PDB file of N, CA and C in Angstrom:
ATOM      1  N   MET A   1      50.471  18.106  58.399  1.00  0.00           N
ATOM      2  CA  MET A   1      49.635  17.945  57.081  1.00  0.00           C
ATOM      3  C   MET A   1      50.005  16.398  56.347  1.00  0.00           C
ATOM      4  N   ALA A   2      48.645  16.144  56.182  1.00  0.00           N
ATOM      5  CA  ALA A   2      48.370  15.144  55.518  1.00  0.00           C
ATOM      6  C   ALA A   2      48.853  13.899  54.602  1.00  0.00           C
ATOM      7  N   GLU A   3      49.876  12.729  54.668  1.00  0.00           N
ATOM      8  CA  GLU A   3      50.569  12.530  53.654  1.00  0.00           C
ATOM      9  C   GLU A   3      49.864  11.698  52.141  1.00  0.00           C
ATOM     10  N   PRO A   4      49.993  11.398  50.961  1.00  0.00           N
ATOM     11  CA  PRO A   4      49.676  10.957  50.152  1.00  0.00           C
ATOM     12  C   PRO A   4      49.738   9.773  50.428  1.00  0.00           C
ATOM     13  N   GLN A   5      48.692   9.028  50.127  1.00  0.00           N
ATOM     14  CA  GLN A   5      48.655   7.620  49.981  1.00  0.00           C
ATOM     15  C   GLN A   5      48.223   7.054  48.643  1.00  0.00           C
ATOM     16  N   VAL A   6      48.308   5.730  48.085  1.00  0.00           N
ATOM     17  CA  VAL A   6      47.900   5.134  46.994  1.00  0.00           C
ATOM     18  C   VAL A   6      46.507   5.102  47.280  1.00  0.00           C
ATOM     19  N   CYS A   7      45.894   5.231  46.108  1.00  0.00           N
ATOM     20  CA  CYS A   7      44.087   5.244  46.258  1.00  0.00           C
ATOM     21  C   CYS A   7      43.643   3.940  46.404  1.00  0.00           C
ATOM     22  N   PRO A   8      42.769   3.651  47.315  1.00  0.00           N
ATOM     23  CA  PRO A   8      42.295   2.238  47.750  1.00  0.00           C
ATOM     24  C   PRO A   8      41.277   2.014  46.690  1.00  0.00           C
ATOM     25  N   GLY A   9      40.755   3.051  46.016  1.00  0.00           N
ATOM     26  CA  GLY A   9      39.527   2.491  44.986  1.00  0.00           C
ATOM     27  C   GLY A   9      40.057   1.956  43.891  1.00  0.00           C
ATOM     28  N   CYS A  10      41.207   2.442  43.269  1.00  0.00           N
ATOM     29  CA  CYS A  10      41.625   2.267  41.973  1.00  0.00           C
ATOM     30  C   CYS A  10      43.843   1.601  42.091  1.00  0.00           C
ATOM     31  N   ALA A  11      43.510   1.626  43.176  1.00  0.00           N
ATOM     32  CA  ALA A  11      45.398   1.334  42.890  1.00  0.00           C
ATOM     33  C   ALA A  11      46.237   2.109  42.652  1.00  0.00           C
ATOM     34  N   GLY A  12      45.988   3.345  42.380  1.00  0.00           N
ATOM     35  CA  GLY A  12      46.955   4.333  41.478  1.00  0.00           C
ATOM     36  C   GLY A  12      46.818   4.262  40.579  1.00  0.00           C
ATOM     37  N   GLN A  13      45.978   3.921  39.777  1.00  0.00           N
ATOM     38  CA  GLN A  13      45.906   3.072  38.474  1.00  0.00           C
ATOM     39  C   GLN A  13      45.150   4.912  38.035  1.00  0.00           C
ATOM     40  N   ARG A  14      44.717   5.392  38.729  1.00  0.00           N
ATOM     41  CA  ARG A  14      43.710   6.857  38.376  1.00  0.00           C
ATOM     42  C   ARG A  14      42.206   6.392  37.727  1.00  0.00           C
ATOM     43  N   GLY A  15      42.151   5.272  37.613  1.00  0.00           N
ATOM     44  CA  GLY A  15      40.587   5.048  36.530  1.00  0.00           C
ATOM     45  C   GLY A  15      40.298   3.677  37.287  1.00  0.00           C
ATOM     46  N   THR A  16      38.975   2.996  36.779  1.00  0.00           N
ATOM     47  CA  THR A  16      38.669   1.830  36.953  1.00  0.00           C
ATOM     48  C   THR A  16      37.343   1.796  35.639  1.00  0.00           C
ATOM     49  N   GLU A  17      37.754   0.338  35.504  1.00  0.00           N
ATOM     50  CA  GLU A  17      37.018  -0.188  34.065  1.00  0.00           C
ATOM     51  C   GLU A  17      35.346  -0.239  35.117  1.00  0.00           C
ATOM     52  N   LYS A  18      34.271   0.312  33.896  1.00  0.00           N
ATOM     53  CA  LYS A  18      32.973   0.118  34.491  1.00  0.00           C
ATOM     54  C   LYS A  18      32.140  -0.983  33.150  1.00  0.00           C
ATOM     55  N   VAL A  19      31.597  -1.180  33.672  1.00  0.00           N
ATOM     56  CA  VAL A  19      30.538  -2.651  33.071  1.00  0.00           C
ATOM     57  C   VAL A  19      29.106  -1.734  32.695  1.00  0.00           C
ATOM     58  N   GLN A  20      28.692  -1.323  31.599  1.00  0.00           N
ATOM     59  CA  GLN A  20      26.893  -1.190  31.648  1.00  0.00           C
ATOM     60  C   GLN A  20      26.225  -2.103  31.086  1.00  0.00           C
ATOM     61  N   HIS A  21      25.433  -2.835  31.264  1.00  0.00           N
ATOM     62  CA  HIS A  21      24.513  -3.832  30.946  1.00  0.00           C
ATOM     63  C   HIS A  21      23.102  -3.017  30.278  1.00  0.00           C
ATOM     64  N   THR A  22      23.300  -3.524  29.351  1.00  0.00           N
ATOM     65  CA  THR A  22      21.964  -2.717  28.176  1.00  0.00           C
ATOM     66  C   THR A  22      21.193  -4.315  27.809  1.00  0.00           C
ATOM     67  N   VAL A  23      20.298  -4.020  27.571  1.00  0.00           N
ATOM     68  CA  VAL A  23      18.964  -5.077  26.543  1.00  0.00           C
ATOM     69  C   VAL A  23      19.213  -4.398  25.250  1.00  0.00           C
ATOM     70  N   GLU A  24      19.440  -4.769  24.028  1.00  0.00           N
ATOM     71  CA  GLU A  24      19.238  -4.353  22.976  1.00  0.00           C
ATOM     72  C   GLU A  24      18.391  -5.493  22.042  1.00  0.00           C
ATOM     73  N   THR A  25      18.455  -4.778  20.991  1.00  0.00           N
ATOM     74  CA  THR A  25      17.474  -5.455  20.003  1.00  0.00           C
ATOM     75  C   THR A  25      18.663  -5.923  18.440  1.00  0.00           C
ATOM     76  N   ASP A  26      18.173  -7.023  18.003  1.00  0.00           N
ATOM     77  CA  ASP A  26      19.175  -7.488  16.835  1.00  0.00           C
ATOM     78  C   ASP A  26      18.780  -7.177  15.708  1.00  0.00           C
ATOM     79  N   GLY A  27      19.036  -7.748  14.780  1.00  0.00           N
ATOM     80  CA  GLY A  27      18.903  -7.197  13.122  1.00  0.00           C
ATOM     81  C   GLY A  27      16.986  -7.677  13.259  1.00  0.00           C
ATOM     82  N   GLY A  28      16.593  -8.821  14.265  1.00  0.00           N
ATOM     83  CA  GLY A  28      15.157  -8.985  13.811  1.00  0.00           C
ATOM     84  C   GLY A  28      14.601  -8.103  15.109  1.00  0.00           C
ATOM     85  N   ASP A  29      13.303  -9.362  15.943  1.00  0.00           N
ATOM     86  CA  ASP A  29      12.279  -8.758  16.933  1.00  0.00           C
ATOM     87  C   ASP A  29      13.164  -9.118  18.328  1.00  0.00           C
ATOM     88  N   ASN A  30      14.507  -9.494  18.207  1.00  0.00           N
ATOM     89  CA  ASN A  30      15.157 -10.593  19.270  1.00  0.00           C
ATOM     90  C   ASN A  30      15.423  -9.743  20.301  1.00  0.00           C
ATOM     91  N   GLN A  31      15.768  -9.677  21.792  1.00  0.00           N
ATOM     92  CA  GLN A  31      16.295  -8.642  22.626  1.00  0.00           C
ATOM     93  C   GLN A  31      17.315  -9.614  23.132  1.00  0.00           C
ATOM     94  N   VAL A  32      18.576  -9.339  23.243  1.00  0.00           N
ATOM     95  CA  VAL A  32      20.213  -9.651  23.176  1.00  0.00           C
ATOM     96  C   VAL A  32      20.427  -8.706  24.412  1.00  0.00           C
ATOM     97  N   HIS A  33      21.401  -9.682  25.369  1.00  0.00           N
ATOM     98  CA  HIS A  33      22.023  -8.611  26.648  1.00  0.00           C
ATOM     99  C   HIS A  33      23.028  -8.456  25.943  1.00  0.00           C
ATOM    100  N   ARG A  34      23.929  -7.012  26.007  1.00  0.00           N
ATOM    101  CA  ARG A  34      24.869  -6.725  25.765  1.00  0.00           C
ATOM    102  C   ARG A  34      25.801  -6.005  27.176  1.00  0.00           C
ATOM    103  N   GLU A  35      27.357  -6.066  26.497  1.00  0.00           N
ATOM    104  CA  GLU A  35      27.383  -5.235  28.660  1.00  0.00           C
ATOM    105  C   GLU A  35      28.817  -4.659  27.332  1.00  0.00           C
ATOM    106  N   HIS A  36      28.658  -3.346  27.783  1.00  0.00           N
ATOM    107  CA  HIS A  36      29.651  -1.920  27.172  1.00  0.00           C
ATOM    108  C   HIS A  36      30.578  -1.667  28.688  1.00  0.00           C
ATOM    109  N   ARG A  37      32.102  -1.701  27.754  1.00  0.00           N
ATOM    110  CA  ARG A  37      33.206  -2.098  29.504  1.00  0.00           C
ATOM    111  C   ARG A  37      33.548  -0.340  28.542  1.00  0.00           C
ATOM    112  N   TYR A  38      33.955   0.313  29.424  1.00  0.00           N
ATOM    113  CA  TYR A  38      34.684   1.688  29.931  1.00  0.00           C
ATOM    114  C   TYR A  38      35.628   1.826  30.398  1.00  0.00           C
ATOM    115  N   TRP A  39      36.501   3.036  30.502  1.00  0.00           N
ATOM    116  CA  TRP A  39      36.872   3.279  31.495  1.00  0.00           C
ATOM    117  C   TRP A  39      37.339   4.994  31.707  1.00  0.00           C
ATOM    118  N   SER A  40      37.141   5.027  33.331  1.00  0.00           N
ATOM    119  CA  SER A  40      36.433   6.237  33.799  1.00  0.00           C
ATOM    120  C   SER A  40      37.413   6.406  34.571  1.00  0.00           C
ATOM    121  N   PRO A  41      37.755   8.000  35.238  1.00  0.00           N
ATOM    122  CA  PRO A  41      38.436   8.377  36.807  1.00  0.00           C
ATOM    123  C   PRO A  41      37.218   7.674  37.490  1.00  0.00           C
ATOM    124  N   CYS A  42      38.858   7.517  38.338  1.00  0.00           N
ATOM    125  CA  CYS A  42      38.261   6.827  40.134  1.00  0.00           C
ATOM    126  C   CYS A  42      37.377   7.751  40.260  1.00  0.00           C
ATOM    127  N   GLY A  43      36.450   7.113  41.139  1.00  0.00           N
ATOM    128  CA  GLY A  43      34.988   8.360  41.948  1.00  0.00           C
ATOM    129  C   GLY A  43      36.252   9.009  43.012  1.00  0.00           C
ATOM    130  N   ARG A  44      36.600   7.600  43.359  1.00  0.00           N
ATOM    131  CA  ARG A  44      36.912   8.366  45.178  1.00  0.00           C
ATOM    132  C   ARG A  44      38.170   8.835  45.167  1.00  0.00           C
ATOM    133  N   CYS A  45      38.827   9.180  44.188  1.00  0.00           N
ATOM    134  CA  CYS A  45      40.122  10.017  43.775  1.00  0.00           C
ATOM    135  C   CYS A  45      40.186  11.289  42.816  1.00  0.00           C
ATOM    136  N   SER A  46      39.337  10.933  42.093  1.00  0.00           N
ATOM    137  CA  SER A  46      39.353  11.807  40.877  1.00  0.00           C
ATOM    138  C   SER A  46      39.689  11.352  40.075  1.00  0.00           C
ATOM    139  N   GLY A  47      40.921  10.580  39.251  1.00  0.00           N
ATOM    140  CA  GLY A  47      41.821  10.449  38.920  1.00  0.00           C
ATOM    141  C   GLY A  47      43.001  10.581  39.029  1.00  0.00           C
ATOM    142  N   ALA A  48      43.296  10.989  40.504  1.00  0.00           N
ATOM    143  CA  ALA A  48      44.359  11.113  40.614  1.00  0.00           C
ATOM    144  C   ALA A  48      45.623  10.140  41.152  1.00  0.00           C
ATOM    145  N   GLY A  49      44.854   9.158  41.573  1.00  0.00           N
ATOM    146  CA  GLY A  49      46.141   7.906  41.809  1.00  0.00           C
ATOM    147  C   GLY A  49      46.360   8.234  43.327  1.00  0.00           C
ATOM    148  N   VAL A  50      45.665   9.437  43.762  1.00  0.00           N
ATOM    149  CA  VAL A  50      46.407   9.047  45.321  1.00  0.00           C
ATOM    150  C   VAL A  50      45.249   9.876  46.166  1.00  0.00           C
ATOM    151  N   VAL A  51      45.187  10.007  47.564  1.00  0.00           N
ATOM    152  CA  VAL A  51      44.524   9.651  48.621  1.00  0.00           C
ATOM    153  C   VAL A  51      45.268  10.819  49.511  1.00  0.00           C
ATOM    154  N   TYR A  52      44.667  11.928  50.348  1.00  0.00           N
ATOM    155  CA  TYR A  52      45.317  12.398  51.403  1.00  0.00           C
ATOM    156  C   TYR A  52      44.247  11.898  52.595  1.00  0.00           C
ATOM    157  N   GLY A  53      45.153  11.243  53.752  1.00  0.00           N
ATOM    158  CA  GLY A  53      44.414  10.553  54.842  1.00  0.00           C
ATOM    159  C   GLY A  53      45.578  10.314  55.894  1.00  0.00           C
TER     160      GLY A  53
END
Protein backbone atom coordinates (compact mmCIF):
# COMPACT_ATOMS: atom_id res chain seq x y z
CA MET A 1 0.00 0.00 0.00
CA ALA A 2 1.29 3.48 -0.84
CA GLU A 3 2.44 5.73 1.98
CA PRO A 4 1.05 9.26 2.35
CA GLN A 5 3.54 11.98 1.48
CA VAL A 6 3.38 15.75 1.90
CA CYS A 7 1.96 17.19 -1.31
CA PRO A 8 4.76 18.79 -3.36
CA GLY A 9 2.27 21.18 -4.98
CA CYS A 10 1.25 22.96 -1.77
CA ALA A 11 3.86 21.72 0.74
CA GLY A 12 1.07 20.35 2.93
CA GLN A 13 -0.71 23.72 3.21
CA ARG A 14 -3.84 22.25 1.56
CA GLY A 15 -4.15 25.14 -0.85
CA THR A 16 -2.33 27.77 -2.82
CA GLU A 17 -2.68 31.47 -3.41
CA LYS A 18 -3.90 32.30 -6.89
CA VAL A 19 -3.59 35.63 -8.71
CA GLN A 20 -6.11 36.80 -11.31
CA HIS A 21 -5.10 39.73 -13.49
CA THR A 22 -7.81 41.98 -14.92
CA VAL A 23 -8.10 45.32 -16.67
CA GLU A 24 -10.84 47.51 -15.24
CA THR A 25 -11.92 51.09 -15.63
CA ASP A 26 -11.54 53.61 -12.87
CA GLY A 27 -14.13 56.30 -12.22
CA GLY A 28 -13.35 57.90 -15.57
CA ASP A 29 -12.39 56.42 -18.91
CA ASN A 30 -8.98 55.17 -17.78
CA GLN A 31 -8.09 51.49 -17.82
CA VAL A 32 -6.15 50.19 -14.82
CA HIS A 33 -4.49 46.87 -14.14
CA ARG A 34 -5.79 45.03 -11.06
CA GLU A 35 -4.60 41.91 -9.29
CA HIS A 36 -7.13 39.84 -7.37
CA ARG A 37 -5.53 37.38 -4.94
CA TYR A 38 -7.44 34.48 -3.46
CA TRP A 39 -6.82 31.16 -1.76
CA SER A 40 -8.09 27.93 -3.29
CA PRO A 41 -7.64 24.20 -2.70
CA CYS A 42 -4.51 22.70 -4.21
CA GLY A 43 -5.14 21.24 -7.66
CA ARG A 44 -2.67 18.44 -7.08
CA CYS A 45 -4.02 17.01 -3.80
CA SER A 46 -7.55 18.51 -3.89
CA GLY A 47 -6.98 20.20 -0.55
CA ALA A 48 -5.92 17.07 1.37
CA GLY A 49 -2.33 18.23 1.95
CA VAL A 50 -1.00 14.74 1.21
CA VAL A 51 -0.57 12.55 -1.85
CA TYR A 52 -0.13 8.81 -2.03
CA GLY A 53 2.74 7.62 -4.10
